[in-house]
Amino acid sequence: MKKLYVTFLALVLVLAMIVPVGAVQAGSPRTVVFGEIKMEWNGFFEMHNSIGERGIMFSSIGFTDTYIGRLIGTANETSWGNINDTNYGTYTGMFFSMGTVVFEGSLMGKTGTFTAEFWRMGKGGTDGYAKGEQTIISGTGDLEKLRGTITYTVNPQSDGSYAGRYFGKLHFDP
């Protein structure tokens, strides 16, 4: 009886180790995406509140983003956030914003749209930068089940846009 019990226990332990590996491999594989991103102000700006002459400004702003690389297409984003130390209207202070971005284009031949929530932080001015993260929450067309996260770092350009690189790990939900 003891031998049967030990054999049964060993079988249960072996199955416990095999099943999680199979479950992990059952989902869709990860797709690594990378390339260039350019963000240009699309003309939308709405100031909600300003505190002090050089204080904090709360606003909403819109950008059109262009992706080149594994992702090819454009996105419209609307964000709200704050700029600290606006330096008398030059907007050279630190900022934080969050919002939504709607991408339309393709990922390695699959076309459609995806919507992502994002956050971004950085510093304004000619020596500024922005770093952000987009988390895909829904999609349409071939990108309907696309999920994952894209990060990016951009720097100001002489034409007023921000340009840099993006990187992400995406997958298609079953």
N, C-alpha and C. Protein backbone atom coordinates (compact mmCIF):
# COMPACT_ATOMS: atom_id res chain seq x y z
N MET A 1 0.82 -1.19 0.00
CA MET A 1 0.00 0.00 0.00
C MET A 1 0.87 1.26 0.00
N LYS A 2 1.95 1.24 0.78
CA LYS A 2 2.83 2.40 0.87
C LYS A 2 3.47 2.68 -0.49
N LYS A 3 3.85 1.63 -1.22
CA LYS A 3 4.46 1.80 -2.53
C LYS A 3 3.47 2.43 -3.50
N LEU A 4 2.22 2.02 -3.47
CA LEU A 4 1.18 2.60 -4.33
C LEU A 4 0.97 4.09 -4.00
N TYR A 5 0.98 4.43 -2.73
CA TYR A 5 0.84 5.82 -2.29
C TYR A 5 2.00 6.67 -2.79
N VAL A 6 3.22 6.20 -2.67
CA VAL A 6 4.41 6.94 -3.12
C VAL A 6 4.36 7.11 -4.64
N THR A 7 3.97 6.08 -5.37
CA THR A 7 3.86 6.17 -6.83
C THR A 7 2.82 7.21 -7.22
N PHE A 8 1.67 7.18 -6.56
CA PHE A 8 0.61 8.16 -6.83
C PHE A 8 1.09 9.58 -6.56
N LEU A 9 1.77 9.79 -5.43
CA LEU A 9 2.29 11.11 -5.06
C LEU A 9 3.31 11.59 -6.10
N ALA A 10 4.18 10.72 -6.55
CA ALA A 10 5.18 11.08 -7.56
C ALA A 10 4.49 11.48 -8.86
N LEU A 11 3.45 10.74 -9.25
CA LEU A 11 2.71 11.06 -10.46
C LEU A 11 2.04 12.42 -10.36
N VAL A 12 1.45 12.72 -9.22
CA VAL A 12 0.82 14.03 -9.00
C VAL A 12 1.86 15.15 -9.09
N LEU A 13 3.01 14.99 -8.51
CA LEU A 13 4.06 16.01 -8.56
C LEU A 13 4.56 16.22 -9.98
N VAL A 14 4.74 15.15 -10.74
CA VAL A 14 5.18 15.27 -12.13
C VAL A 14 4.14 16.03 -12.94
N LEU A 15 2.87 15.69 -12.79
CA LEU A 15 1.81 16.41 -13.50
C LEU A 15 1.74 17.88 -13.09
N ALA A 16 1.96 18.15 -11.82
CA ALA A 16 1.93 19.53 -11.33
C ALA A 16 3.02 20.37 -11.98
N MET A 17 4.15 19.75 -12.32
CA MET A 17 5.23 20.49 -12.97
C MET A 17 5.00 20.62 -14.47
N ILE A 18 4.34 19.67 -15.10
CA ILE A 18 4.13 19.69 -16.55
C ILE A 18 2.99 20.62 -16.94
N VAL A 19 1.89 20.61 -16.24
CA VAL A 19 0.70 21.37 -16.62
C VAL A 19 0.98 22.88 -16.71
N PRO A 20 1.64 23.50 -15.73
CA PRO A 20 1.89 24.94 -15.89
C PRO A 20 2.72 25.27 -17.12
N VAL A 21 3.71 24.44 -17.46
CA VAL A 21 4.51 24.70 -18.64
C VAL A 21 3.63 24.66 -19.88
N GLY A 22 2.76 23.68 -19.98
CA GLY A 22 1.85 23.59 -21.12
C GLY A 22 0.90 24.77 -21.17
N ALA A 23 0.41 25.22 -20.02
CA ALA A 23 -0.52 26.34 -19.98
C ALA A 23 0.15 27.62 -20.44
N VAL A 24 1.40 27.83 -20.06
CA VAL A 24 2.13 29.03 -20.48
C VAL A 24 2.35 29.00 -21.98
N GLN A 25 2.68 27.86 -22.54
CA GLN A 25 2.96 27.76 -23.96
C GLN A 25 1.68 27.79 -24.79
N ALA A 26 0.51 27.61 -24.18
CA ALA A 26 -0.74 27.58 -24.92
C ALA A 26 -1.14 28.97 -25.42
N GLY A 27 -0.76 30.05 -24.73
CA GLY A 27 -1.11 31.40 -25.13
C GLY A 27 -0.34 31.81 -26.38
N SER A 28 -0.69 32.98 -26.93
CA SER A 28 -0.01 33.42 -28.14
C SER A 28 1.41 33.87 -27.79
N PRO A 29 2.33 33.72 -28.73
CA PRO A 29 3.71 34.12 -28.46
C PRO A 29 3.84 35.64 -28.39
N ARG A 30 4.85 36.07 -27.69
CA ARG A 30 5.14 37.50 -27.59
C ARG A 30 5.76 37.99 -28.89
N THR A 31 5.37 39.19 -29.29
CA THR A 31 5.96 39.85 -30.45
C THR A 31 6.70 41.08 -29.95
N VAL A 32 7.98 41.15 -30.22
CA VAL A 32 8.77 42.31 -29.84
C VAL A 32 8.62 43.36 -30.94
N VAL A 33 8.26 44.57 -30.54
CA VAL A 33 8.13 45.68 -31.50
C VAL A 33 9.13 46.76 -31.13
N PHE A 34 9.65 47.43 -32.15
CA PHE A 34 10.59 48.53 -31.93
C PHE A 34 10.62 49.39 -33.19
N GLY A 35 11.04 50.61 -33.03
CA GLY A 35 11.13 51.51 -34.17
C GLY A 35 11.21 52.95 -33.71
N GLU A 36 10.81 53.84 -34.60
CA GLU A 36 10.87 55.27 -34.33
C GLU A 36 9.47 55.83 -34.14
N ILE A 37 9.37 56.82 -33.28
CA ILE A 37 8.10 57.50 -33.03
C ILE A 37 8.34 59.01 -33.09
N LYS A 38 7.40 59.72 -33.70
CA LYS A 38 7.45 61.17 -33.75
C LYS A 38 6.11 61.69 -33.25
N MET A 39 6.16 62.63 -32.32
CA MET A 39 4.95 63.21 -31.72
C MET A 39 4.88 64.69 -32.08
N GLU A 40 3.75 65.07 -32.70
CA GLU A 40 3.56 66.46 -33.11
C GLU A 40 2.27 66.98 -32.50
N TRP A 41 2.33 68.19 -31.95
CA TRP A 41 1.15 68.82 -31.37
C TRP A 41 0.12 69.00 -32.47
N ASN A 42 -1.13 68.59 -32.23
CA ASN A 42 -2.18 68.67 -33.25
C ASN A 42 -3.06 69.91 -33.13
N GLY A 43 -2.69 70.85 -32.29
CA GLY A 43 -3.43 72.11 -32.16
C GLY A 43 -4.39 72.14 -30.99
N PHE A 44 -4.64 71.00 -30.35
CA PHE A 44 -5.57 70.98 -29.22
C PHE A 44 -4.84 71.33 -27.94
N PHE A 45 -5.33 72.36 -27.25
CA PHE A 45 -4.78 72.75 -25.95
C PHE A 45 -5.90 73.41 -25.16
N GLU A 46 -6.05 72.99 -23.92
CA GLU A 46 -7.08 73.55 -23.05
C GLU A 46 -6.48 73.69 -21.65
N MET A 47 -6.35 74.92 -21.17
CA MET A 47 -5.83 75.13 -19.83
C MET A 47 -6.98 75.05 -18.84
N HIS A 48 -6.81 74.26 -17.80
CA HIS A 48 -7.85 74.09 -16.79
C HIS A 48 -7.61 74.95 -15.57
N ASN A 49 -6.36 75.12 -15.19
CA ASN A 49 -6.05 75.86 -13.98
C ASN A 49 -4.57 76.21 -13.97
N SER A 50 -4.24 77.35 -13.41
CA SER A 50 -2.85 77.74 -13.24
C SER A 50 -2.68 78.26 -11.82
N ILE A 51 -1.66 77.80 -11.16
CA ILE A 51 -1.42 78.20 -9.78
C ILE A 51 -0.13 79.00 -9.74
N GLY A 52 -0.24 80.29 -9.45
CA GLY A 52 0.94 81.13 -9.33
C GLY A 52 1.52 81.52 -10.68
N GLU A 53 2.37 82.56 -10.65
CA GLU A 53 2.97 83.07 -11.88
C GLU A 53 3.94 82.07 -12.52
N ARG A 54 4.71 81.36 -11.70
CA ARG A 54 5.64 80.35 -12.19
C ARG A 54 5.29 78.99 -11.61
N GLY A 55 4.06 78.79 -11.28
CA GLY A 55 3.65 77.62 -10.54
C GLY A 55 3.31 76.42 -11.39
N ILE A 56 2.17 75.85 -11.12
CA ILE A 56 1.74 74.62 -11.75
C ILE A 56 0.57 74.92 -12.69
N MET A 57 0.62 74.38 -13.89
CA MET A 57 -0.45 74.55 -14.85
C MET A 57 -1.07 73.17 -15.12
N PHE A 58 -2.39 73.06 -15.02
CA PHE A 58 -3.12 71.85 -15.35
C PHE A 58 -3.79 72.07 -16.71
N SER A 59 -3.59 71.12 -17.64
CA SER A 59 -4.13 71.32 -18.99
C SER A 59 -4.40 69.99 -19.68
N SER A 60 -5.10 70.08 -20.81
CA SER A 60 -5.29 68.97 -21.73
C SER A 60 -4.62 69.36 -23.04
N ILE A 61 -4.01 68.38 -23.70
CA ILE A 61 -3.28 68.67 -24.94
C ILE A 61 -3.39 67.46 -25.86
N GLY A 62 -3.33 67.70 -27.16
CA GLY A 62 -3.43 66.62 -28.14
C GLY A 62 -2.19 66.52 -29.01
N PHE A 63 -1.85 65.30 -29.38
CA PHE A 63 -0.72 65.04 -30.27
C PHE A 63 -1.12 64.04 -31.34
N THR A 64 -0.46 64.10 -32.48
CA THR A 64 -0.54 63.07 -33.51
C THR A 64 0.82 62.38 -33.53
N ASP A 65 0.81 61.07 -33.36
CA ASP A 65 2.04 60.29 -33.29
C ASP A 65 2.19 59.48 -34.57
N THR A 66 3.40 59.41 -35.09
CA THR A 66 3.71 58.60 -36.27
C THR A 66 4.70 57.52 -35.85
N TYR A 67 4.36 56.27 -36.18
CA TYR A 67 5.20 55.12 -35.85
C TYR A 67 5.81 54.55 -37.13
N ILE A 68 7.10 54.26 -37.08
CA ILE A 68 7.81 53.60 -38.17
C ILE A 68 8.59 52.45 -37.54
N GLY A 69 8.58 51.30 -38.17
CA GLY A 69 9.26 50.13 -37.64
C GLY A 69 8.33 48.94 -37.70
N ARG A 70 8.29 48.15 -36.65
CA ARG A 70 7.36 47.01 -36.62
C ARG A 70 5.92 47.51 -36.63
N LEU A 71 5.64 48.59 -35.92
CA LEU A 71 4.34 49.27 -36.00
C LEU A 71 4.46 50.34 -37.07
N ILE A 72 3.51 50.37 -37.99
CA ILE A 72 3.50 51.40 -39.03
C ILE A 72 2.12 52.04 -39.00
N GLY A 73 2.07 53.35 -38.73
CA GLY A 73 0.79 54.02 -38.72
C GLY A 73 0.85 55.30 -37.92
N THR A 74 -0.34 55.85 -37.66
CA THR A 74 -0.45 57.08 -36.88
C THR A 74 -1.41 56.87 -35.72
N ALA A 75 -1.28 57.73 -34.74
CA ALA A 75 -2.15 57.66 -33.57
C ALA A 75 -2.52 59.07 -33.15
N ASN A 76 -3.72 59.21 -32.64
CA ASN A 76 -4.15 60.48 -32.05
C ASN A 76 -4.24 60.27 -30.56
N GLU A 77 -3.65 61.19 -29.82
CA GLU A 77 -3.68 61.07 -28.37
C GLU A 77 -4.21 62.33 -27.74
N THR A 78 -4.91 62.14 -26.65
CA THR A 78 -5.39 63.25 -25.83
C THR A 78 -4.94 62.98 -24.41
N SER A 79 -4.30 63.97 -23.82
CA SER A 79 -3.80 63.78 -22.47
C SER A 79 -4.23 64.93 -21.58
N TRP A 80 -4.14 64.70 -20.32
CA TRP A 80 -4.31 65.76 -19.33
C TRP A 80 -3.19 65.60 -18.33
N GLY A 81 -2.75 66.71 -17.79
CA GLY A 81 -1.65 66.62 -16.84
C GLY A 81 -1.23 67.98 -16.34
N ASN A 82 -0.03 68.02 -15.81
CA ASN A 82 0.46 69.26 -15.23
C ASN A 82 1.89 69.54 -15.66
N ILE A 83 2.21 70.83 -15.68
CA ILE A 83 3.57 71.29 -15.92
C ILE A 83 3.97 72.09 -14.69
N ASN A 84 5.05 71.71 -14.05
CA ASN A 84 5.56 72.44 -12.88
C ASN A 84 6.56 73.48 -13.34
N ASP A 85 6.54 74.65 -12.70
CA ASP A 85 7.47 75.74 -13.01
C ASP A 85 7.43 76.06 -14.50
N THR A 86 6.36 76.70 -14.91
CA THR A 86 6.20 77.05 -16.33
C THR A 86 7.16 78.15 -16.77
N ASN A 87 7.91 78.73 -15.86
CA ASN A 87 8.95 79.72 -16.17
C ASN A 87 8.41 80.85 -17.05
N TYR A 88 7.36 81.49 -16.58
CA TYR A 88 6.75 82.64 -17.25
C TYR A 88 6.29 82.31 -18.66
N GLY A 89 5.63 81.16 -18.85
CA GLY A 89 5.04 80.84 -20.14
C GLY A 89 5.95 80.11 -21.11
N THR A 90 7.18 79.77 -20.73
CA THR A 90 8.06 79.06 -21.66
C THR A 90 7.92 77.55 -21.54
N TYR A 91 7.22 77.07 -20.53
CA TYR A 91 6.93 75.64 -20.35
C TYR A 91 8.19 74.78 -20.36
N THR A 92 9.17 75.20 -19.59
CA THR A 92 10.43 74.46 -19.53
C THR A 92 10.54 73.58 -18.28
N GLY A 93 9.48 73.51 -17.52
CA GLY A 93 9.51 72.74 -16.28
C GLY A 93 9.23 71.26 -16.49
N MET A 94 9.21 70.54 -15.39
CA MET A 94 8.90 69.12 -15.40
C MET A 94 7.40 68.95 -15.65
N PHE A 95 7.01 67.86 -16.29
CA PHE A 95 5.60 67.62 -16.54
C PHE A 95 5.26 66.15 -16.37
N PHE A 96 3.99 65.91 -16.14
CA PHE A 96 3.43 64.56 -16.07
C PHE A 96 2.08 64.61 -16.74
N SER A 97 1.80 63.62 -17.59
CA SER A 97 0.48 63.57 -18.23
C SER A 97 0.06 62.12 -18.41
N MET A 98 -1.23 61.96 -18.60
CA MET A 98 -1.80 60.63 -18.86
C MET A 98 -3.02 60.82 -19.75
N GLY A 99 -3.41 59.75 -20.44
CA GLY A 99 -4.55 59.86 -21.32
C GLY A 99 -4.73 58.62 -22.16
N THR A 100 -5.33 58.81 -23.35
CA THR A 100 -5.57 57.71 -24.27
C THR A 100 -4.95 58.01 -25.62
N VAL A 101 -4.56 56.95 -26.31
CA VAL A 101 -4.02 57.05 -27.65
C VAL A 101 -4.74 56.00 -28.51
N VAL A 102 -5.15 56.41 -29.72
CA VAL A 102 -5.82 55.50 -30.64
C VAL A 102 -4.94 55.38 -31.89
N PHE A 103 -4.37 54.18 -32.08
CA PHE A 103 -3.45 53.89 -33.19
C PHE A 103 -4.24 53.29 -34.34
N GLU A 104 -3.90 53.70 -35.57
CA GLU A 104 -4.47 53.09 -36.77
C GLU A 104 -3.32 52.76 -37.71
N GLY A 105 -3.19 51.49 -38.06
CA GLY A 105 -2.10 51.09 -38.93
C GLY A 105 -1.92 49.59 -38.94
N SER A 106 -0.64 49.17 -38.94
CA SER A 106 -0.38 47.74 -39.05
C SER A 106 0.77 47.31 -38.15
N LEU A 107 0.71 46.03 -37.82
CA LEU A 107 1.76 45.35 -37.07
C LEU A 107 2.12 44.11 -37.88
N MET A 108 3.28 44.16 -38.54
CA MET A 108 3.77 43.02 -39.31
C MET A 108 2.71 42.46 -40.26
N GLY A 109 2.06 43.36 -41.02
CA GLY A 109 1.08 42.94 -42.02
C GLY A 109 -0.35 42.84 -41.53
N LYS A 110 -0.59 42.86 -40.23
CA LYS A 110 -1.95 42.81 -39.69
C LYS A 110 -2.42 44.24 -39.47
N THR A 111 -3.60 44.58 -40.02
CA THR A 111 -4.07 45.96 -39.94
C THR A 111 -5.26 46.10 -39.01
N GLY A 112 -5.43 47.30 -38.49
CA GLY A 112 -6.55 47.60 -37.61
C GLY A 112 -6.22 48.79 -36.73
N THR A 113 -6.90 48.87 -35.61
CA THR A 113 -6.66 49.94 -34.65
C THR A 113 -6.46 49.32 -33.27
N PHE A 114 -5.81 50.08 -32.39
CA PHE A 114 -5.81 49.73 -30.98
C PHE A 114 -5.91 50.99 -30.15
N THR A 115 -6.50 50.85 -28.99
CA THR A 115 -6.59 51.94 -28.03
C THR A 115 -5.72 51.58 -26.84
N ALA A 116 -4.94 52.55 -26.39
CA ALA A 116 -4.06 52.33 -25.25
C ALA A 116 -4.23 53.47 -24.26
N GLU A 117 -4.06 53.15 -23.00
CA GLU A 117 -3.95 54.17 -21.96
C GLU A 117 -2.47 54.43 -21.77
N PHE A 118 -2.11 55.69 -21.50
CA PHE A 118 -0.69 55.98 -21.35
C PHE A 118 -0.43 56.95 -20.22
N TRP A 119 0.81 56.96 -19.79
CA TRP A 119 1.34 57.99 -18.90
C TRP A 119 2.65 58.45 -19.51
N ARG A 120 3.02 59.68 -19.23
CA ARG A 120 4.26 60.26 -19.76
C ARG A 120 4.80 61.26 -18.76
N MET A 121 6.10 61.33 -18.65
CA MET A 121 6.74 62.34 -17.81
C MET A 121 7.97 62.86 -18.52
N GLY A 122 8.39 64.04 -18.14
CA GLY A 122 9.58 64.59 -18.76
C GLY A 122 9.82 66.02 -18.36
N LYS A 123 10.58 66.71 -19.21
CA LYS A 123 10.94 68.10 -18.98
C LYS A 123 10.78 68.85 -20.30
N GLY A 124 10.13 70.01 -20.25
CA GLY A 124 9.95 70.82 -21.44
C GLY A 124 11.20 71.61 -21.77
N GLY A 125 11.18 72.28 -22.90
CA GLY A 125 12.30 73.11 -23.32
C GLY A 125 13.18 72.41 -24.34
N THR A 126 14.13 73.16 -24.91
CA THR A 126 14.99 72.60 -25.96
C THR A 126 15.90 71.48 -25.44
N ASP A 127 16.19 71.48 -24.15
CA ASP A 127 17.00 70.40 -23.56
C ASP A 127 16.12 69.35 -22.89
N GLY A 128 14.85 69.34 -23.23
CA GLY A 128 13.88 68.46 -22.58
C GLY A 128 13.88 67.04 -23.09
N TYR A 129 12.94 66.27 -22.60
CA TYR A 129 12.76 64.87 -22.98
C TYR A 129 11.38 64.44 -22.50
N ALA A 130 10.95 63.31 -22.98
CA ALA A 130 9.72 62.69 -22.47
C ALA A 130 9.91 61.18 -22.52
N LYS A 131 9.44 60.52 -21.48
CA LYS A 131 9.43 59.06 -21.42
C LYS A 131 8.02 58.64 -21.08
N GLY A 132 7.55 57.58 -21.74
CA GLY A 132 6.19 57.17 -21.49
C GLY A 132 5.96 55.69 -21.70
N GLU A 133 4.75 55.27 -21.36
CA GLU A 133 4.35 53.88 -21.49
C GLU A 133 2.90 53.82 -21.93
N GLN A 134 2.62 53.00 -22.94
CA GLN A 134 1.27 52.80 -23.44
C GLN A 134 0.87 51.34 -23.16
N THR A 135 -0.30 51.14 -22.58
CA THR A 135 -0.83 49.80 -22.32
C THR A 135 -2.07 49.60 -23.18
N ILE A 136 -2.02 48.65 -24.10
CA ILE A 136 -3.11 48.41 -25.04
C ILE A 136 -4.28 47.75 -24.32
N ILE A 137 -5.47 48.35 -24.46
CA ILE A 137 -6.65 47.85 -23.76
C ILE A 137 -7.74 47.31 -24.68
N SER A 138 -7.71 47.67 -25.98
CA SER A 138 -8.70 47.16 -26.93
C SER A 138 -8.19 47.35 -28.35
N GLY A 139 -8.86 46.71 -29.31
CA GLY A 139 -8.46 46.84 -30.70
C GLY A 139 -9.59 46.50 -31.64
N THR A 140 -9.37 46.73 -32.94
CA THR A 140 -10.32 46.37 -33.99
C THR A 140 -9.57 45.72 -35.14
N GLY A 141 -10.32 45.10 -36.04
CA GLY A 141 -9.71 44.46 -37.21
C GLY A 141 -8.76 43.35 -36.79
N ASP A 142 -7.66 43.22 -37.52
CA ASP A 142 -6.66 42.20 -37.20
C ASP A 142 -5.99 42.44 -35.85
N LEU A 143 -6.11 43.65 -35.30
CA LEU A 143 -5.47 44.00 -34.02
C LEU A 143 -6.46 43.92 -32.86
N GLU A 144 -7.63 43.31 -33.09
CA GLU A 144 -8.68 43.27 -32.07
C GLU A 144 -8.20 42.67 -30.75
N LYS A 145 -7.43 41.62 -30.80
CA LYS A 145 -7.01 40.94 -29.57
C LYS A 145 -5.58 41.29 -29.16
N LEU A 146 -5.01 42.31 -29.77
CA LEU A 146 -3.64 42.72 -29.44
C LEU A 146 -3.60 43.33 -28.04
N ARG A 147 -2.66 42.89 -27.25
CA ARG A 147 -2.45 43.42 -25.90
C ARG A 147 -0.96 43.53 -25.64
N GLY A 148 -0.60 44.31 -24.64
CA GLY A 148 0.80 44.46 -24.27
C GLY A 148 1.13 45.90 -23.94
N THR A 149 2.41 46.17 -23.81
CA THR A 149 2.89 47.48 -23.39
C THR A 149 4.00 47.96 -24.30
N ILE A 150 3.95 49.25 -24.64
CA ILE A 150 4.97 49.90 -25.45
C ILE A 150 5.56 51.04 -24.62
N THR A 151 6.88 51.12 -24.56
CA THR A 151 7.55 52.23 -23.89
C THR A 151 8.27 53.07 -24.94
N TYR A 152 8.49 54.33 -24.63
CA TYR A 152 9.20 55.19 -25.57
C TYR A 152 9.95 56.29 -24.84
N THR A 153 10.97 56.80 -25.51
CA THR A 153 11.72 57.97 -25.05
C THR A 153 11.87 58.89 -26.25
N VAL A 154 11.50 60.16 -26.09
CA VAL A 154 11.58 61.13 -27.18
C VAL A 154 12.27 62.40 -26.70
N ASN A 155 12.82 63.15 -27.66
CA ASN A 155 13.49 64.41 -27.37
C ASN A 155 12.94 65.48 -28.31
N PRO A 156 12.98 66.77 -27.88
CA PRO A 156 12.45 67.84 -28.73
C PRO A 156 13.30 68.01 -30.00
N GLN A 157 12.60 68.35 -31.09
CA GLN A 157 13.25 68.60 -32.38
C GLN A 157 13.12 70.09 -32.71
N SER A 158 13.88 70.56 -33.67
CA SER A 158 13.87 71.98 -34.02
C SER A 158 12.53 72.44 -34.58
N ASP A 159 11.71 71.51 -35.12
CA ASP A 159 10.40 71.88 -35.66
C ASP A 159 9.30 71.89 -34.59
N GLY A 160 9.65 71.67 -33.33
CA GLY A 160 8.68 71.68 -32.24
C GLY A 160 8.11 70.31 -31.90
N SER A 161 8.40 69.31 -32.70
CA SER A 161 7.92 67.96 -32.41
C SER A 161 8.87 67.27 -31.43
N TYR A 162 8.49 66.08 -31.02
CA TYR A 162 9.34 65.22 -30.20
C TYR A 162 9.57 63.94 -31.00
N ALA A 163 10.79 63.44 -31.06
CA ALA A 163 11.09 62.23 -31.82
C ALA A 163 12.02 61.34 -31.02
N GLY A 164 11.87 60.04 -31.22
CA GLY A 164 12.73 59.10 -30.51
C GLY A 164 12.41 57.67 -30.91
N ARG A 165 12.56 56.75 -29.96
CA ARG A 165 12.41 55.33 -30.23
C ARG A 165 11.36 54.71 -29.32
N TYR A 166 10.71 53.66 -29.81
CA TYR A 166 9.76 52.90 -29.00
C TYR A 166 10.20 51.44 -28.96
N PHE A 167 9.74 50.74 -27.94
CA PHE A 167 10.03 49.32 -27.76
C PHE A 167 8.86 48.71 -26.99
N GLY A 168 8.48 47.49 -27.34
CA GLY A 168 7.39 46.86 -26.61
C GLY A 168 7.35 45.37 -26.78
N LYS A 169 6.59 44.72 -25.91
CA LYS A 169 6.32 43.30 -26.00
C LYS A 169 4.81 43.14 -26.06
N LEU A 170 4.33 42.65 -27.22
CA LEU A 170 2.91 42.53 -27.46
C LEU A 170 2.54 41.07 -27.70
N HIS A 171 1.26 40.76 -27.58
CA HIS A 171 0.75 39.42 -27.86
C HIS A 171 -0.72 39.52 -28.23
N PHE A 172 -1.24 38.48 -28.83
CA PHE A 172 -2.65 38.42 -29.17
C PHE A 172 -3.33 37.51 -28.17
N ASP A 173 -4.32 38.04 -27.44
CA ASP A 173 -5.08 37.24 -26.49
C ASP A 173 -5.88 36.18 -27.25
N PRO A 174 -6.01 35.01 -26.67
CA PRO A 174 -6.80 33.96 -27.34
C PRO A 174 -8.29 34.31 -27.39
